[in-house]
Amino acid sequence: MTENEVLQMSPLVWAYMGDAVYEAYVRKYVIKQGLCKNGLLHKKSIPYVSANGQASILKRIEEELTDEEKDIVRRGRNSNPHSHAKNADIIDYKHATGLEALIGYLYLCDKHDRLEEILKQCVEK
């Protein structure tokens, strides 16, 4: 897909893709830490993949984003999802959607180097 084609998509489509990419990245990160019990793997990933965790991560990395990336986050955050996480308030859920939209956008545009930089920042901070 071209960047123009991706830009024509709903930010919720970006977030849908970003959720999957981010989840896979976090799972790999947690596994690489040497953990092997399934329950423990899940417990260690929660701070990264919960809406509250993603909102917190976005706040920490936001200053390092380009203006274009901040705009993608804003579009994702301001989109109107038809539901939200039962264990998160709507503000955190919208910020998490913004982070997922950015990840999905970068993935769909094949901007893998920048995507990797951002994903590293998400788990390292």
PDB file of N, CA and C in Angstrom:
ATOM      1  N   MET A   1       0.828  -1.185   0.000  1.00  0.00           N
ATOM      2  CA  MET A   1       0.000   0.000   0.000  1.00  0.00           C
ATOM      3  C   MET A   1       0.871   1.246   0.000  1.00  0.00           C
ATOM      4  N   THR A   2       0.379   2.258  -0.648  1.00  0.00           N
ATOM      5  CA  THR A   2       1.092   3.535  -0.620  1.00  0.00           C
ATOM      6  C   THR A   2       0.704   4.287   0.651  1.00  0.00           C
ATOM      7  N   GLU A   3       1.511   5.265   0.987  1.00  0.00           N
ATOM      8  CA  GLU A   3       1.205   6.076   2.167  1.00  0.00           C
ATOM      9  C   GLU A   3      -0.123   6.801   1.980  1.00  0.00           C
ATOM     10  N   ASN A   4      -0.412   7.258   0.759  1.00  0.00           N
ATOM     11  CA  ASN A   4      -1.697   7.921   0.501  1.00  0.00           C
ATOM     12  C   ASN A   4      -2.877   6.989   0.736  1.00  0.00           C
ATOM     13  N   GLU A   5      -2.725   5.724   0.324  1.00  0.00           N
ATOM     14  CA  GLU A   5      -3.795   4.746   0.557  1.00  0.00           C
ATOM     15  C   GLU A   5      -4.005   4.519   2.051  1.00  0.00           C
ATOM     16  N   VAL A   6      -2.925   4.452   2.794  1.00  0.00           N
ATOM     17  CA  VAL A   6      -3.021   4.257   4.241  1.00  0.00           C
ATOM     18  C   VAL A   6      -3.660   5.481   4.891  1.00  0.00           C
ATOM     19  N   LEU A   7      -3.301   6.673   4.429  1.00  0.00           N
ATOM     20  CA  LEU A   7      -3.875   7.900   4.985  1.00  0.00           C
ATOM     21  C   LEU A   7      -5.383   7.989   4.770  1.00  0.00           C
ATOM     22  N   GLN A   8      -5.887   7.328   3.747  1.00  0.00           N
ATOM     23  CA  GLN A   8      -7.324   7.346   3.462  1.00  0.00           C
ATOM     24  C   GLN A   8      -8.119   6.418   4.389  1.00  0.00           C
ATOM     25  N   MET A   9      -7.424   5.554   5.107  1.00  0.00           N
ATOM     26  CA  MET A   9      -8.085   4.614   6.014  1.00  0.00           C
ATOM     27  C   MET A   9      -8.513   5.307   7.296  1.00  0.00           C
ATOM     28  N   SER A  10      -9.467   4.698   7.943  1.00  0.00           N
ATOM     29  CA  SER A  10      -9.879   5.174   9.264  1.00  0.00           C
ATOM     30  C   SER A  10      -8.753   4.954  10.265  1.00  0.00           C
ATOM     31  N   PRO A  11      -8.555   5.889  11.179  1.00  0.00           N
ATOM     32  CA  PRO A  11      -7.572   5.669  12.238  1.00  0.00           C
ATOM     33  C   PRO A  11      -7.868   4.412  13.065  1.00  0.00           C
ATOM     34  N   LEU A  12      -9.121   4.001  13.104  1.00  0.00           N
ATOM     35  CA  LEU A  12      -9.446   2.774  13.823  1.00  0.00           C
ATOM     36  C   LEU A  12      -8.908   1.537  13.103  1.00  0.00           C
ATOM     37  N   VAL A  13      -8.745   1.622  11.790  1.00  0.00           N
ATOM     38  CA  VAL A  13      -8.112   0.538  11.045  1.00  0.00           C
ATOM     39  C   VAL A  13      -6.630   0.487  11.413  1.00  0.00           C
ATOM     40  N   TRP A  14      -5.994   1.649  11.499  1.00  0.00           N
ATOM     41  CA  TRP A  14      -4.596   1.682  11.925  1.00  0.00           C
ATOM     42  C   TRP A  14      -4.456   1.074  13.319  1.00  0.00           C
ATOM     43  N   ALA A  15      -5.362   1.462  14.220  1.00  0.00           N
ATOM     44  CA  ALA A  15      -5.313   0.958  15.601  1.00  0.00           C
ATOM     45  C   ALA A  15      -5.543  -0.548  15.641  1.00  0.00           C
ATOM     46  N   TYR A  16      -6.417  -1.042  14.791  1.00  0.00           N
ATOM     47  CA  TYR A  16      -6.668  -2.482  14.707  1.00  0.00           C
ATOM     48  C   TYR A  16      -5.378  -3.214  14.345  1.00  0.00           C
ATOM     49  N   MET A  17      -4.681  -2.723  13.346  1.00  0.00           N
ATOM     50  CA  MET A  17      -3.416  -3.327  12.935  1.00  0.00           C
ATOM     51  C   MET A  17      -2.361  -3.115  14.015  1.00  0.00           C
ATOM     52  N   GLY A  18      -2.317  -1.904  14.551  1.00  0.00           N
ATOM     53  CA  GLY A  18      -1.323  -1.576  15.576  1.00  0.00           C
ATOM     54  C   GLY A  18      -1.463  -2.422  16.822  1.00  0.00           C
ATOM     55  N   ASP A  19      -2.677  -2.752  17.208  1.00  0.00           N
ATOM     56  CA  ASP A  19      -2.910  -3.603  18.370  1.00  0.00           C
ATOM     57  C   ASP A  19      -2.225  -4.951  18.181  1.00  0.00           C
ATOM     58  N   ALA A  20      -2.380  -5.534  17.004  1.00  0.00           N
ATOM     59  CA  ALA A  20      -1.780  -6.843  16.723  1.00  0.00           C
ATOM     60  C   ALA A  20      -0.254  -6.758  16.689  1.00  0.00           C
ATOM     61  N   VAL A  21       0.278  -5.741  16.028  1.00  0.00           N
ATOM     62  CA  VAL A  21       1.737  -5.584  15.923  1.00  0.00           C
ATOM     63  C   VAL A  21       2.337  -5.351  17.309  1.00  0.00           C
ATOM     64  N   TYR A  22       1.713  -4.485  18.084  1.00  0.00           N
ATOM     65  CA  TYR A  22       2.216  -4.150  19.422  1.00  0.00           C
ATOM     66  C   TYR A  22       2.150  -5.363  20.346  1.00  0.00           C
ATOM     67  N   GLU A  23       1.046  -6.066  20.312  1.00  0.00           N
ATOM     68  CA  GLU A  23       0.885  -7.260  21.146  1.00  0.00           C
ATOM     69  C   GLU A  23       1.973  -8.285  20.828  1.00  0.00           C
ATOM     70  N   ALA A  24       2.234  -8.535  19.555  1.00  0.00           N
ATOM     71  CA  ALA A  24       3.267  -9.495  19.158  1.00  0.00           C
ATOM     72  C   ALA A  24       4.648  -9.024  19.626  1.00  0.00           C
ATOM     73  N   TYR A  25       4.919  -7.736  19.499  1.00  0.00           N
ATOM     74  CA  TYR A  25       6.213  -7.202  19.921  1.00  0.00           C
ATOM     75  C   TYR A  25       6.401  -7.374  21.434  1.00  0.00           C
ATOM     76  N   VAL A  26       5.379  -7.040  22.197  1.00  0.00           N
ATOM     77  CA  VAL A  26       5.461  -7.166  23.659  1.00  0.00           C
ATOM     78  C   VAL A  26       5.620  -8.631  24.061  1.00  0.00           C
ATOM     79  N   ARG A  27       4.885  -9.514  23.419  1.00  0.00           N
ATOM     80  CA  ARG A  27       5.020 -10.944  23.745  1.00  0.00           C
ATOM     81  C   ARG A  27       6.449 -11.422  23.494  1.00  0.00           C
ATOM     82  N   LYS A  28       7.009 -11.026  22.373  1.00  0.00           N
ATOM     83  CA  LYS A  28       8.394 -11.412  22.061  1.00  0.00           C
ATOM     84  C   LYS A  28       9.348 -10.830  23.096  1.00  0.00           C
ATOM     85  N   TYR A  29       9.149  -9.585  23.479  1.00  0.00           N
ATOM     86  CA  TYR A  29       9.986  -8.919  24.473  1.00  0.00           C
ATOM     87  C   TYR A  29       9.939  -9.663  25.802  1.00  0.00           C
ATOM     88  N   VAL A  30       8.754 -10.028  26.251  1.00  0.00           N
ATOM     89  CA  VAL A  30       8.594 -10.720  27.526  1.00  0.00           C
ATOM     90  C   VAL A  30       9.223 -12.113  27.454  1.00  0.00           C
ATOM     91  N   ILE A  31       9.029 -12.815  26.364  1.00  0.00           N
ATOM     92  CA  ILE A  31       9.620 -14.148  26.194  1.00  0.00           C
ATOM     93  C   ILE A  31      11.146 -14.072  26.216  1.00  0.00           C
ATOM     94  N   LYS A  32      11.706 -13.045  25.568  1.00  0.00           N
ATOM     95  CA  LYS A  32      13.161 -12.893  25.514  1.00  0.00           C
ATOM     96  C   LYS A  32      13.763 -12.646  26.897  1.00  0.00           C
ATOM     97  N   GLN A  33      12.937 -12.246  27.858  1.00  0.00           N
ATOM     98  CA  GLN A  33      13.430 -12.040  29.218  1.00  0.00           C
ATOM     99  C   GLN A  33      13.612 -13.363  29.957  1.00  0.00           C
ATOM    100  N   GLY A  34      13.330 -14.478  29.296  1.00  0.00           N
ATOM    101  CA  GLY A  34      13.569 -15.787  29.877  1.00  0.00           C
ATOM    102  C   GLY A  34      12.397 -16.364  30.648  1.00  0.00           C
ATOM    103  N   LEU A  35      11.256 -15.766  30.523  1.00  0.00           N
ATOM    104  CA  LEU A  35      10.082 -16.281  31.220  1.00  0.00           C
ATOM    105  C   LEU A  35       9.451 -17.396  30.403  1.00  0.00           C
ATOM    106  N   CYS A  36       8.925 -18.394  31.082  1.00  0.00           N
ATOM    107  CA  CYS A  36       8.372 -19.501  30.309  1.00  0.00           C
ATOM    108  C   CYS A  36       6.998 -19.966  30.769  1.00  0.00           C
ATOM    109  N   LYS A  37       6.547 -19.566  31.922  1.00  0.00           N
ATOM    110  CA  LYS A  37       5.216 -19.987  32.368  1.00  0.00           C
ATOM    111  C   LYS A  37       4.175 -19.049  31.782  1.00  0.00           C
ATOM    112  N   ASN A  38       3.142 -19.640  31.191  1.00  0.00           N
ATOM    113  CA  ASN A  38       2.146 -18.857  30.477  1.00  0.00           C
ATOM    114  C   ASN A  38       1.501 -17.790  31.360  1.00  0.00           C
ATOM    115  N   GLY A  39       1.106 -18.132  32.556  1.00  0.00           N
ATOM    116  CA  GLY A  39       0.478 -17.156  33.445  1.00  0.00           C
ATOM    117  C   GLY A  39       1.396 -16.005  33.777  1.00  0.00           C
ATOM    118  N   LEU A  40       2.676 -16.308  33.959  1.00  0.00           N
ATOM    119  CA  LEU A  40       3.651 -15.270  34.255  1.00  0.00           C
ATOM    120  C   LEU A  40       3.906 -14.396  33.028  1.00  0.00           C
ATOM    121  N   LEU A  41       3.940 -15.004  31.863  1.00  0.00           N
ATOM    122  CA  LEU A  41       4.094 -14.230  30.624  1.00  0.00           C
ATOM    123  C   LEU A  41       2.966 -13.206  30.504  1.00  0.00           C
ATOM    124  N   HIS A  42       1.761 -13.660  30.730  1.00  0.00           N
ATOM    125  CA  HIS A  42       0.604 -12.766  30.631  1.00  0.00           C
ATOM    126  C   HIS A  42       0.697 -11.646  31.669  1.00  0.00           C
ATOM    127  N   LYS A  43       1.041 -12.008  32.893  1.00  0.00           N
ATOM    128  CA  LYS A  43       1.135 -11.014  33.967  1.00  0.00           C
ATOM    129  C   LYS A  43       2.189  -9.951  33.669  1.00  0.00           C
ATOM    130  N   LYS A  44       3.328 -10.378  33.106  1.00  0.00           N
ATOM    131  CA  LYS A  44       4.403  -9.431  32.786  1.00  0.00           C
ATOM    132  C   LYS A  44       4.046  -8.528  31.600  1.00  0.00           C
ATOM    133  N   SER A  45       3.152  -8.979  30.727  1.00  0.00           N
ATOM    134  CA  SER A  45       2.805  -8.174  29.553  1.00  0.00           C
ATOM    135  C   SER A  45       1.709  -7.148  29.851  1.00  0.00           C
ATOM    136  N   ILE A  46       0.938  -7.343  30.892  1.00  0.00           N
ATOM    137  CA  ILE A  46      -0.196  -6.451  31.194  1.00  0.00           C
ATOM    138  C   ILE A  46       0.193  -4.975  31.280  1.00  0.00           C
ATOM    139  N   PRO A  47       1.292  -4.619  31.982  1.00  0.00           N
ATOM    140  CA  PRO A  47       1.629  -3.191  32.056  1.00  0.00           C
ATOM    141  C   PRO A  47       1.887  -2.542  30.684  1.00  0.00           C
ATOM    142  N   TYR A  48       2.241  -3.355  29.703  1.00  0.00           N
ATOM    143  CA  TYR A  48       2.520  -2.834  28.365  1.00  0.00           C
ATOM    144  C   TYR A  48       1.278  -2.789  27.485  1.00  0.00           C
ATOM    145  N   VAL A  49       0.392  -3.763  27.627  1.00  0.00           N
ATOM    146  CA  VAL A  49      -0.714  -3.888  26.678  1.00  0.00           C
ATOM    147  C   VAL A  49      -2.053  -3.392  27.197  1.00  0.00           C
ATOM    148  N   SER A  50      -2.166  -3.113  28.493  1.00  0.00           N
ATOM    149  CA  SER A  50      -3.430  -2.571  29.001  1.00  0.00           C
ATOM    150  C   SER A  50      -3.606  -1.140  28.506  1.00  0.00           C
ATOM    151  N   ALA A  51      -4.830  -0.695  28.447  1.00  0.00           N
ATOM    152  CA  ALA A  51      -5.094   0.687  28.006  1.00  0.00           C
ATOM    153  C   ALA A  51      -4.385   1.678  28.919  1.00  0.00           C
ATOM    154  N   ASN A  52      -4.409   1.435  30.214  1.00  0.00           N
ATOM    155  CA  ASN A  52      -3.726   2.332  31.152  1.00  0.00           C
ATOM    156  C   ASN A  52      -2.227   2.351  30.887  1.00  0.00           C
ATOM    157  N   GLY A  53      -1.648   1.185  30.659  1.00  0.00           N
ATOM    158  CA  GLY A  53      -0.223   1.094  30.383  1.00  0.00           C
ATOM    159  C   GLY A  53       0.153   1.786  29.086  1.00  0.00           C
ATOM    160  N   GLN A  54      -0.647   1.577  28.052  1.00  0.00           N
ATOM    161  CA  GLN A  54      -0.361   2.206  26.760  1.00  0.00           C
ATOM    162  C   GLN A  54      -0.494   3.722  26.842  1.00  0.00           C
ATOM    163  N   ALA A  55      -1.481   4.200  27.589  1.00  0.00           N
ATOM    164  CA  ALA A  55      -1.642   5.651  27.748  1.00  0.00           C
ATOM    165  C   ALA A  55      -0.422   6.239  28.451  1.00  0.00           C
ATOM    166  N   SER A  56       0.061   5.544  29.462  1.00  0.00           N
ATOM    167  CA  SER A  56       1.234   5.997  30.198  1.00  0.00           C
ATOM    168  C   SER A  56       2.479   5.988  29.309  1.00  0.00           C
ATOM    169  N   ILE A  57       2.626   4.942  28.517  1.00  0.00           N
ATOM    170  CA  ILE A  57       3.763   4.848  27.593  1.00  0.00           C
ATOM    171  C   ILE A  57       3.718   5.986  26.585  1.00  0.00           C
ATOM    172  N   LEU A  58       2.546   6.263  26.037  1.00  0.00           N
ATOM    173  CA  LEU A  58       2.420   7.349  25.058  1.00  0.00           C
ATOM    174  C   LEU A  58       2.847   8.675  25.664  1.00  0.00           C
ATOM    175  N   LYS A  59       2.452   8.943  26.890  1.00  0.00           N
ATOM    176  CA  LYS A  59       2.841  10.199  27.538  1.00  0.00           C
ATOM    177  C   LYS A  59       4.355  10.313  27.671  1.00  0.00           C
ATOM    178  N   ARG A  60       5.014   9.175  27.910  1.00  0.00           N
ATOM    179  CA  ARG A  60       6.471   9.192  28.080  1.00  0.00           C
ATOM    180  C   ARG A  60       7.219   9.370  26.767  1.00  0.00           C
ATOM    181  N   ILE A  61       6.669   8.892  25.666  1.00  0.00           N
ATOM    182  CA  ILE A  61       7.408   8.969  24.393  1.00  0.00           C
ATOM    183  C   ILE A  61       6.934  10.095  23.492  1.00  0.00           C
ATOM    184  N   GLU A  62       5.839  10.739  23.839  1.00  0.00           N
ATOM    185  CA  GLU A  62       5.204  11.721  22.950  1.00  0.00           C
ATOM    186  C   GLU A  62       6.147  12.837  22.490  1.00  0.00           C
ATOM    187  N   GLU A  63       7.005  13.306  23.366  1.00  0.00           N
ATOM    188  CA  GLU A  63       7.901  14.406  23.002  1.00  0.00           C
ATOM    189  C   GLU A  63       8.919  13.997  21.943  1.00  0.00           C
ATOM    190  N   GLU A  64       9.157  12.707  21.801  1.00  0.00           N
ATOM    191  CA  GLU A  64      10.141  12.231  20.835  1.00  0.00           C
ATOM    192  C   GLU A  64       9.526  11.912  19.473  1.00  0.00           C
ATOM    193  N   LEU A  65       8.226  12.118  19.339  1.00  0.00           N
ATOM    194  CA  LEU A  65       7.545  11.864  18.073  1.00  0.00           C
ATOM    195  C   LEU A  65       7.673  13.067  17.149  1.00  0.00           C
ATOM    196  N   THR A  66       7.658  12.799  15.857  1.00  0.00           N
ATOM    197  CA  THR A  66       7.659  13.887  14.880  1.00  0.00           C
ATOM    198  C   THR A  66       6.272  14.529  14.862  1.00  0.00           C
ATOM    199  N   ASP A  67       6.167  15.682  14.220  1.00  0.00           N
ATOM    200  CA  ASP A  67       4.862  16.333  14.101  1.00  0.00           C
ATOM    201  C   ASP A  67       3.873  15.447  13.344  1.00  0.00           C
ATOM    202  N   GLU A  68       4.342  14.775  12.304  1.00  0.00           N
ATOM    203  CA  GLU A  68       3.481  13.871  11.537  1.00  0.00           C
ATOM    204  C   GLU A  68       2.980  12.733  12.430  1.00  0.00           C
ATOM    205  N   GLU A  69       3.863  12.168  13.230  1.00  0.00           N
ATOM    206  CA  GLU A  69       3.476  11.076  14.130  1.00  0.00           C
ATOM    207  C   GLU A  69       2.501  11.557  15.191  1.00  0.00           C
ATOM    208  N   LYS A  70       2.719  12.756  15.711  1.00  0.00           N
ATOM    209  CA  LYS A  70       1.782  13.324  16.694  1.00  0.00           C
ATOM    210  C   LYS A  70       0.401  13.511  16.073  1.00  0.00           C
ATOM    211  N   ASP A  71       0.368  13.881  14.800  1.00  0.00           N
ATOM    212  CA  ASP A  71      -0.906  14.040  14.104  1.00  0.00           C
ATOM    213  C   ASP A  71      -1.619  12.692  13.954  1.00  0.00           C
ATOM    214  N   ILE A  72      -0.870  11.645  13.651  1.00  0.00           N
ATOM    215  CA  ILE A  72      -1.452  10.301  13.539  1.00  0.00           C
ATOM    216  C   ILE A  72      -2.015   9.884  14.898  1.00  0.00           C
ATOM    217  N   VAL A  73      -1.271  10.123  15.966  1.00  0.00           N
ATOM    218  CA  VAL A  73      -1.744   9.810  17.318  1.00  0.00           C
ATOM    219  C   VAL A  73      -3.025  10.581  17.612  1.00  0.00           C
ATOM    220  N   ARG A  74      -3.026  11.867  17.280  1.00  0.00           N
ATOM    221  CA  ARG A  74      -4.208  12.701  17.528  1.00  0.00           C
ATOM    222  C   ARG A  74      -5.423  12.161  16.790  1.00  0.00           C
ATOM    223  N   ARG A  75      -5.227  11.785  15.531  1.00  0.00           N
ATOM    224  CA  ARG A  75      -6.344  11.243  14.752  1.00  0.00           C
ATOM    225  C   ARG A  75      -6.865   9.949  15.365  1.00  0.00           C
ATOM    226  N   GLY A  76      -5.952   9.102  15.832  1.00  0.00           N
ATOM    227  CA  GLY A  76      -6.375   7.865  16.491  1.00  0.00           C
ATOM    228  C   GLY A  76      -7.088   8.141  17.804  1.00  0.00           C
ATOM    229  N   ARG A  77      -6.540   9.056  18.577  1.00  0.00           N
ATOM    230  CA  ARG A  77      -7.124   9.411  19.875  1.00  0.00           C
ATOM    231  C   ARG A  77      -8.511  10.026  19.716  1.00  0.00           C
ATOM    232  N   ASN A  78      -8.705  10.820  18.673  1.00  0.00           N
ATOM    233  CA  ASN A  78      -9.979  11.510  18.469  1.00  0.00           C
ATOM    234  C   ASN A  78     -10.995  10.698  17.680  1.00  0.00           C
ATOM    235  N   SER A  79     -10.611   9.498  17.252  1.00  0.00           N
ATOM    236  CA  SER A  79     -11.576   8.656  16.531  1.00  0.00           C
ATOM    237  C   SER A  79     -12.677   8.234  17.493  1.00  0.00           C
ATOM    238  N   ASN A  80     -13.741   7.741  16.950  1.00  0.00           N
ATOM    239  CA  ASN A  80     -14.896   7.432  17.781  1.00  0.00           C
ATOM    240  C   ASN A  80     -15.148   5.927  17.816  1.00  0.00           C
ATOM    241  N   PRO A  81     -14.416   5.194  18.681  1.00  0.00           N
ATOM    242  CA  PRO A  81     -14.654   3.754  18.765  1.00  0.00           C
ATOM    243  C   PRO A  81     -16.039   3.480  19.342  1.00  0.00           C
ATOM    244  N   HIS A  82     -16.598   2.357  18.973  1.00  0.00           N
ATOM    245  CA  HIS A  82     -17.954   2.024  19.432  1.00  0.00           C
ATOM    246  C   HIS A  82     -17.953   1.339  20.792  1.00  0.00           C
ATOM    247  N   SER A  83     -16.773   1.067  21.312  1.00  0.00           N
ATOM    248  CA  SER A  83     -16.666   0.456  22.635  1.00  0.00           C
ATOM    249  C   SER A  83     -15.366   0.912  23.269  1.00  0.00           C
ATOM    250  N   HIS A  84     -15.199   0.573  24.543  1.00  0.00           N
ATOM    251  CA  HIS A  84     -13.922   0.833  25.197  1.00  0.00           C
ATOM    252  C   HIS A  84     -13.671  -0.234  26.249  1.00  0.00           C
ATOM    253  N   ALA A  85     -12.418  -0.328  26.694  1.00  0.00           N
ATOM    254  CA  ALA A  85     -12.023  -1.348  27.655  1.00  0.00           C
ATOM    255  C   ALA A  85     -12.803  -1.185  28.954  1.00  0.00           C
ATOM    256  N   LYS A  86     -13.245  -2.305  29.506  1.00  0.00           N
ATOM    257  CA  LYS A  86     -14.031  -2.233  30.734  1.00  0.00           C
ATOM    258  C   LYS A  86     -13.190  -1.866  31.948  1.00  0.00           C
ATOM    259  N   ASN A  87     -11.879  -2.075  31.874  1.00  0.00           N
ATOM    260  CA  ASN A  87     -11.003  -1.792  33.014  1.00  0.00           C
ATOM    261  C   ASN A  87     -10.204  -0.505  32.855  1.00  0.00           C
ATOM    262  N   ALA A  88     -10.634   0.370  31.960  1.00  0.00           N
ATOM    263  CA  ALA A  88      -9.905   1.622  31.736  1.00  0.00           C
ATOM    264  C   ALA A  88     -10.902   2.760  31.557  1.00  0.00           C
ATOM    265  N   ASP A  89     -10.479   3.945  31.970  1.00  0.00           N
ATOM    266  CA  ASP A  89     -11.366   5.083  31.716  1.00  0.00           C
ATOM    267  C   ASP A  89     -11.239   5.498  30.252  1.00  0.00           C
ATOM    268  N   ILE A  90     -12.192   6.256  29.791  1.00  0.00           N
ATOM    269  CA  ILE A  90     -12.283   6.601  28.372  1.00  0.00           C
ATOM    270  C   ILE A  90     -11.079   7.421  27.903  1.00  0.00           C
ATOM    271  N   ILE A  91     -10.530   8.261  28.773  1.00  0.00           N
ATOM    272  CA  ILE A  91      -9.368   9.079  28.397  1.00  0.00           C
ATOM    273  C   ILE A  91      -8.163   8.183  28.110  1.00  0.00           C
ATOM    274  N   ASP A  92      -7.876   7.252  29.026  1.00  0.00           N
ATOM    275  CA  ASP A  92      -6.763   6.335  28.808  1.00  0.00           C
ATOM    276  C   ASP A  92      -7.011   5.477  27.574  1.00  0.00           C
ATOM    277  N   TYR A  93      -8.252   5.046  27.379  1.00  0.00           N
ATOM    278  CA  TYR A  93      -8.574   4.211  26.224  1.00  0.00           C
ATOM    279  C   TYR A  93      -8.306   4.970  24.921  1.00  0.00           C
ATOM    280  N   LYS A  94      -8.669   6.235  24.877  1.00  0.00           N
ATOM    281  CA  LYS A  94      -8.448   7.038  23.664  1.00  0.00           C
ATOM    282  C   LYS A  94      -6.948   7.249  23.418  1.00  0.00           C
ATOM    283  N   HIS A  95      -6.175   7.474  24.478  1.00  0.00           N
ATOM    284  CA  HIS A  95      -4.732   7.616  24.310  1.00  0.00           C
ATOM    285  C   HIS A  95      -4.105   6.301  23.839  1.00  0.00           C
ATOM    286  N   ALA A  96      -4.566   5.194  24.389  1.00  0.00           N
ATOM    287  CA  ALA A  96      -4.070   3.883  23.950  1.00  0.00           C
ATOM    288  C   ALA A  96      -4.404   3.662  22.479  1.00  0.00           C
ATOM    289  N   THR A  97      -5.586   4.062  22.075  1.00  0.00           N
ATOM    290  CA  THR A  97      -5.979   3.944  20.661  1.00  0.00           C
ATOM    291  C   THR A  97      -5.066   4.791  19.790  1.00  0.00           C
ATOM    292  N   GLY A  98      -4.675   5.965  20.275  1.00  0.00           N
ATOM    293  CA  GLY A  98      -3.746   6.818  19.538  1.00  0.00           C
ATOM    294  C   GLY A  98      -2.395   6.148  19.342  1.00  0.00           C
ATOM    295  N   LEU A  99      -1.875   5.501  20.396  1.00  0.00           N
ATOM    296  CA  LEU A  99      -0.602   4.793  20.280  1.00  0.00           C
ATOM    297  C   LEU A  99      -0.724   3.632  19.298  1.00  0.00           C
ATOM    298  N   GLU A 100      -1.789   2.866  19.415  1.00  0.00           N
ATOM    299  CA  GLU A 100      -1.998   1.738  18.500  1.00  0.00           C
ATOM    300  C   GLU A 100      -2.166   2.220  17.058  1.00  0.00           C
ATOM    301  N   ALA A 101      -2.827   3.354  16.870  1.00  0.00           N
ATOM    302  CA  ALA A 101      -2.992   3.905  15.521  1.00  0.00           C
ATOM    303  C   ALA A 101      -1.636   4.254  14.916  1.00  0.00           C
ATOM    304  N   LEU A 102      -0.761   4.857  15.708  1.00  0.00           N
ATOM    305  CA  LEU A 102       0.574   5.193  15.218  1.00  0.00           C
ATOM    306  C   LEU A 102       1.338   3.934  14.822  1.00  0.00           C
ATOM    307  N   ILE A 103       1.298   2.927  15.655  1.00  0.00           N
ATOM    308  CA  ILE A 103       2.015   1.684  15.367  1.00  0.00           C
ATOM    309  C   ILE A 103       1.460   1.039  14.103  1.00  0.00           C
ATOM    310  N   GLY A 104       0.141   0.994  13.990  1.00  0.00           N
ATOM    311  CA  GLY A 104      -0.473   0.413  12.801  1.00  0.00           C
ATOM    312  C   GLY A 104      -0.168   1.203  11.547  1.00  0.00           C
ATOM    313  N   TYR A 105      -0.205   2.512  11.659  1.00  0.00           N
ATOM    314  CA  TYR A 105       0.102   3.384  10.516  1.00  0.00           C
ATOM    315  C   TYR A 105       1.524   3.134  10.020  1.00  0.00           C
ATOM    316  N   LEU A 106       2.478   3.134  10.931  1.00  0.00           N
ATOM    317  CA  LEU A 106       3.870   2.911  10.543  1.00  0.00           C
ATOM    318  C   LEU A 106       4.054   1.529   9.917  1.00  0.00           C
ATOM    319  N   TYR A 107       3.390   0.549  10.475  1.00  0.00           N
ATOM    320  CA  TYR A 107       3.486  -0.810   9.936  1.00  0.00           C
ATOM    321  C   TYR A 107       2.902  -0.879   8.521  1.00  0.00           C
ATOM    322  N   LEU A 108       1.711  -0.317   8.346  1.00  0.00           N
ATOM    323  CA  LEU A 108       1.047  -0.377   7.041  1.00  0.00           C
ATOM    324  C   LEU A 108       1.799   0.421   5.968  1.00  0.00           C
ATOM    325  N   CYS A 109       2.506   1.461   6.385  1.00  0.00           N
ATOM    326  CA  CYS A 109       3.298   2.271   5.446  1.00  0.00           C
ATOM    327  C   CYS A 109       4.698   1.696   5.225  1.00  0.00           C
ATOM    328  N   ASP A 110       4.970   0.558   5.812  1.00  0.00           N
ATOM    329  CA  ASP A 110       6.290  -0.094   5.698  1.00  0.00           C
ATOM    330  C   ASP A 110       7.422   0.775   6.232  1.00  0.00           C
ATOM    331  N   LYS A 111       7.144   1.556   7.256  1.00  0.00           N
ATOM    332  CA  LYS A 111       8.170   2.373   7.906  1.00  0.00           C
ATOM    333  C   LYS A 111       8.729   1.587   9.097  1.00  0.00           C
ATOM    334  N   HIS A 112       9.344   0.455   8.771  1.00  0.00           N
ATOM    335  CA  HIS A 112       9.727  -0.507   9.796  1.00  0.00           C
ATOM    336  C   HIS A 112      10.869  -0.037  10.689  1.00  0.00           C
ATOM    337  N   ASP A 113      11.779   0.763  10.166  1.00  0.00           N
ATOM    338  CA  ASP A 113      12.877   1.261  11.009  1.00  0.00           C
ATOM    339  C   ASP A 113      12.329   2.169  12.106  1.00  0.00           C
ATOM    340  N   ARG A 114      11.459   3.084  11.733  1.00  0.00           N
ATOM    341  CA  ARG A 114      10.881   3.995  12.724  1.00  0.00           C
ATOM    342  C   ARG A 114       9.955   3.232  13.678  1.00  0.00           C
ATOM    343  N   LEU A 115       9.225   2.290  13.151  1.00  0.00           N
ATOM    344  CA  LEU A 115       8.353   1.458  13.979  1.00  0.00           C
ATOM    345  C   LEU A 115       9.178   0.750  15.050  1.00  0.00           C
ATOM    346  N   GLU A 116      10.284   0.171  14.658  1.00  0.00           N
ATOM    347  CA  GLU A 116      11.155  -0.526  15.608  1.00  0.00           C
ATOM    348  C   GLU A 116      11.676   0.431  16.679  1.00  0.00           C
ATOM    349  N   GLU A 117      12.057   1.643  16.293  1.00  0.00           N
ATOM    350  CA  GLU A 117      12.520   2.641  17.261  1.00  0.00           C
ATOM    351  C   GLU A 117      11.440   2.929  18.302  1.00  0.00           C
ATOM    352  N   ILE A 118      10.234   3.130  17.841  1.00  0.00           N
ATOM    353  CA  ILE A 118       9.133   3.472  18.742  1.00  0.00           C
ATOM    354  C   ILE A 118       8.776   2.292  19.635  1.00  0.00           C
ATOM    355  N   LEU A 119       8.741   1.103  19.074  1.00  0.00           N
ATOM    356  CA  LEU A 119       8.417  -0.082  19.872  1.00  0.00           C
ATOM    357  C   LEU A 119       9.477  -0.299  20.954  1.00  0.00           C
ATOM    358  N   LYS A 120      10.734  -0.081  20.629  1.00  0.00           N
ATOM    359  CA  LYS A 120      11.795  -0.201  21.635  1.00  0.00           C
ATOM    360  C   LYS A 120      11.585   0.807  22.750  1.00  0.00           C
ATOM    361  N   GLN A 121      11.226   2.039  22.382  1.00  0.00           N
ATOM    362  CA  GLN A 121      10.970   3.057  23.389  1.00  0.00           C
ATOM    363  C   GLN A 121       9.799   2.649  24.295  1.00  0.00           C
ATOM    364  N   CYS A 122       8.807   2.027  23.707  1.00  0.00           N
ATOM    365  CA  CYS A 122       7.624   1.617  24.477  1.00  0.00           C
ATOM    366  C   CYS A 122       7.983   0.616  25.563  1.00  0.00           C
ATOM    367  N   VAL A 123       8.847  -0.329  25.286  1.00  0.00           N
ATOM    368  CA  VAL A 123       9.156  -1.352  26.287  1.00  0.00           C
ATOM    369  C   VAL A 123      10.331  -0.973  27.181  1.00  0.00           C
ATOM    370  N   GLU A 124      11.165  -0.068  26.725  1.00  0.00           N
ATOM    371  CA  GLU A 124      12.339   0.287  27.511  1.00  0.00           C
ATOM    372  C   GLU A 124      12.076   1.403  28.517  1.00  0.00           C
ATOM    373  N   LYS A 125      11.079   2.208  28.292  1.00  0.00           N
ATOM    374  CA  LYS A 125      10.851   3.346  29.203  1.00  0.00           C
ATOM    375  C   LYS A 125      10.002   2.930  30.368  1.00  0.00           C
TER     376      LYS A 125
END
